[in-house]
Every structure is written in C-alpha cells, then in structure tokens.
Amino acid sequence: MIEKLEKRPNTLALESWLAALVADLMGIPVETIDVRARFDRYGVDSAAAVSLTDELERHLERELEPTLLYEHPTIENLAAHLTEG
C-alpha cells in the first residue's frame, strides 16, 4: 500500500513516493529502484505510465499531461519537474 502524498511535497519526498509507487506497480523491491534510471528499465510501458500518471493526479490533486513520463523519463527528473515553482 502506497502512503498518502502531500499535495505539495518536496522533491526528495516525491522521489521516495514515486520509487515506492513504481516498485508496487511493477512488482519489484523498492530497494532496487534507482531514481536516476529511466522508467523503462523497470518495465514501465505505456499502460504503466498511464497508471503512474493517474496515481500522481489523484495524490497531487491536479491534472497532469499524459506524456509526463516520456518528457521526464526518470523519477529524479519527474520529481524535480513536479516540485519546481
């Protein structure tokens, strides 16, 4: 079970949450997740990318672009993008 995410998390908190989410969705241990590795390294395909984006929208309570994971292909990049500004 993935913990609830704050609406405006800091970058490190979001990285940690995303790592747990990827691990949960892909059925792999969270310890194997490298936040600098591309999502496809963990088997994240287009269907999984949609699921990840849906979860992010639900937890952040804001609409996100469906191409988000392709534009920001690592947890580190994605977390930085979502927490800037």
C-alpha atoms as a PDB file:
ATOM      1  CA  MET A   1       0.000   0.000   0.000  1.00  0.00           C
ATOM      2  CA  ILE A   2       1.386   3.364  -1.046  1.00  0.00           C
ATOM      3  CA  GLU A   3       1.285   6.124   1.565  1.00  0.00           C
ATOM      4  CA  LYS A   4      -0.735   9.279   1.001  1.00  0.00           C
ATOM      5  CA  LEU A   5       1.273  12.005  -0.645  1.00  0.00           C
ATOM      6  CA  GLU A   6       1.128  15.653   0.418  1.00  0.00           C
ATOM      7  CA  LYS A   7      -0.387  17.986  -2.185  1.00  0.00           C
ATOM      8  CA  ARG A   8       2.873  19.953  -2.383  1.00  0.00           C
ATOM      9  CA  PRO A   9       5.674  17.525  -1.422  1.00  0.00           C
ATOM     10  CA  ASN A  10       9.341  18.456  -1.560  1.00  0.00           C
ATOM     11  CA  THR A  11      11.489  16.839  -4.240  1.00  0.00           C
ATOM     12  CA  LEU A  12      13.022  14.140  -2.013  1.00  0.00           C
ATOM     13  CA  ALA A  13       9.650  13.135  -0.577  1.00  0.00           C
ATOM     14  CA  LEU A  14       8.209  12.878  -4.074  1.00  0.00           C
ATOM     15  CA  GLU A  15      11.189  10.829  -5.299  1.00  0.00           C
ATOM     16  CA  SER A  16      10.709   8.399  -2.430  1.00  0.00           C
ATOM     17  CA  TRP A  17       6.961   8.158  -3.040  1.00  0.00           C
ATOM     18  CA  LEU A  18       7.456   7.623  -6.783  1.00  0.00           C
ATOM     19  CA  ALA A  19      10.049   4.912  -6.156  1.00  0.00           C
ATOM     20  CA  ALA A  20       7.570   3.096  -3.909  1.00  0.00           C
ATOM     21  CA  LEU A  21       4.819   3.501  -6.499  1.00  0.00           C
ATOM     22  CA  VAL A  22       6.954   2.166  -9.367  1.00  0.00           C
ATOM     23  CA  ALA A  23       8.071  -0.762  -7.221  1.00  0.00           C
ATOM     24  CA  ASP A  24       4.482  -1.540  -6.233  1.00  0.00           C
ATOM     25  CA  LEU A  25       3.074  -1.285  -9.769  1.00  0.00           C
ATOM     26  CA  MET A  26       5.884  -3.311 -11.314  1.00  0.00           C
ATOM     27  CA  GLY A  27       6.091  -5.897  -8.517  1.00  0.00           C
ATOM     28  CA  ILE A  28       9.736  -5.302  -7.679  1.00  0.00           C
ATOM     29  CA  PRO A  29      11.520  -4.435  -4.412  1.00  0.00           C
ATOM     30  CA  VAL A  30      11.720  -0.700  -3.757  1.00  0.00           C
ATOM     31  CA  GLU A  31      15.399  -1.157  -2.841  1.00  0.00           C
ATOM     32  CA  THR A  32      16.145  -1.942  -6.494  1.00  0.00           C
ATOM     33  CA  ILE A  33      14.824   1.398  -7.728  1.00  0.00           C
ATOM     34  CA  ASP A  34      17.429   3.968  -8.810  1.00  0.00           C
ATOM     35  CA  VAL A  35      15.790   7.395  -9.098  1.00  0.00           C
ATOM     36  CA  ARG A  36      18.237   8.294 -11.902  1.00  0.00           C
ATOM     37  CA  ALA A  37      17.321   5.276 -14.050  1.00  0.00           C
ATOM     38  CA  ARG A  38      14.798   5.571 -16.870  1.00  0.00           C
ATOM     39  CA  PHE A  39      11.299   4.248 -16.157  1.00  0.00           C
ATOM     40  CA  ASP A  40      11.596   1.674 -18.946  1.00  0.00           C
ATOM     41  CA  ARG A  41      14.436  -0.001 -17.022  1.00  0.00           C
ATOM     42  CA  TYR A  42      11.769  -1.245 -14.619  1.00  0.00           C
ATOM     43  CA  GLY A  43       9.349  -2.359 -17.320  1.00  0.00           C
ATOM     44  CA  VAL A  44       7.202   0.771 -17.300  1.00  0.00           C
ATOM     45  CA  ASP A  45       5.386   0.657 -20.634  1.00  0.00           C
ATOM     46  CA  SER A  46       2.647   2.968 -21.899  1.00  0.00           C
ATOM     47  CA  ALA A  47      -0.060   1.255 -19.819  1.00  0.00           C
ATOM     48  CA  ALA A  48       2.047   1.504 -16.658  1.00  0.00           C
ATOM     49  CA  ALA A  49       2.886   5.138 -17.495  1.00  0.00           C
ATOM     50  CA  VAL A  50      -0.840   5.920 -17.625  1.00  0.00           C
ATOM     51  CA  SER A  51      -1.331   4.210 -14.246  1.00  0.00           C
ATOM     52  CA  LEU A  52       1.543   6.151 -12.714  1.00  0.00           C
ATOM     53  CA  THR A  53       0.222   9.443 -14.065  1.00  0.00           C
ATOM     54  CA  ASP A  54      -3.286   8.628 -12.804  1.00  0.00           C
ATOM     55  CA  GLU A  55      -1.923   7.916  -9.317  1.00  0.00           C
ATOM     56  CA  LEU A  56       0.055  11.157  -9.360  1.00  0.00           C
ATOM     57  CA  GLU A  57      -3.023  13.133 -10.396  1.00  0.00           C
ATOM     58  CA  ARG A  58      -5.070  11.533  -7.644  1.00  0.00           C
ATOM     59  CA  HIS A  59      -2.490  12.174  -4.930  1.00  0.00           C
ATOM     60  CA  LEU A  60      -1.391  15.644  -6.040  1.00  0.00           C
ATOM     61  CA  GLU A  61      -4.996  16.604  -6.815  1.00  0.00           C
ATOM     62  CA  ARG A  62      -4.102  18.276 -10.100  1.00  0.00           C
ATOM     63  CA  GLU A  63      -4.319  17.417 -13.772  1.00  0.00           C
ATOM     64  CA  LEU A  64      -1.133  16.237 -15.466  1.00  0.00           C
ATOM     65  CA  GLU A  65      -0.166  15.751 -19.091  1.00  0.00           C
ATOM     66  CA  PRO A  66      -0.467  12.146 -20.350  1.00  0.00           C
ATOM     67  CA  THR A  67       3.052  12.423 -21.828  1.00  0.00           C
ATOM     68  CA  LEU A  68       4.577  13.366 -18.471  1.00  0.00           C
ATOM     69  CA  LEU A  69       6.717  10.243 -18.042  1.00  0.00           C
ATOM     70  CA  TYR A  70       8.051  10.449 -21.581  1.00  0.00           C
ATOM     71  CA  GLU A  71       9.048  14.081 -21.124  1.00  0.00           C
ATOM     72  CA  HIS A  72      10.589  13.377 -17.700  1.00  0.00           C
ATOM     73  CA  PRO A  73      11.894   9.797 -18.031  1.00  0.00           C
ATOM     74  CA  THR A  74      13.372   9.286 -14.564  1.00  0.00           C
ATOM     75  CA  ILE A  75      11.986   9.592 -11.049  1.00  0.00           C
ATOM     76  CA  GLU A  76      14.587  12.266 -10.320  1.00  0.00           C
ATOM     77  CA  ASN A  77      13.591  14.360 -13.384  1.00  0.00           C
ATOM     78  CA  LEU A  78       9.889  13.890 -12.790  1.00  0.00           C
ATOM     79  CA  ALA A  79      10.051  14.825  -9.107  1.00  0.00           C
ATOM     80  CA  ALA A  80      12.124  17.933  -9.876  1.00  0.00           C
ATOM     81  CA  HIS A  81       9.641  18.995 -12.578  1.00  0.00           C
ATOM     82  CA  LEU A  82       6.599  18.478 -10.356  1.00  0.00           C
ATOM     83  CA  THR A  83       8.057  20.350  -7.373  1.00  0.00           C
ATOM     84  CA  GLU A  84       9.583  23.341  -9.175  1.00  0.00           C
ATOM     85  CA  GLY A  85       7.954  26.705  -8.753  1.00  0.00           C
END
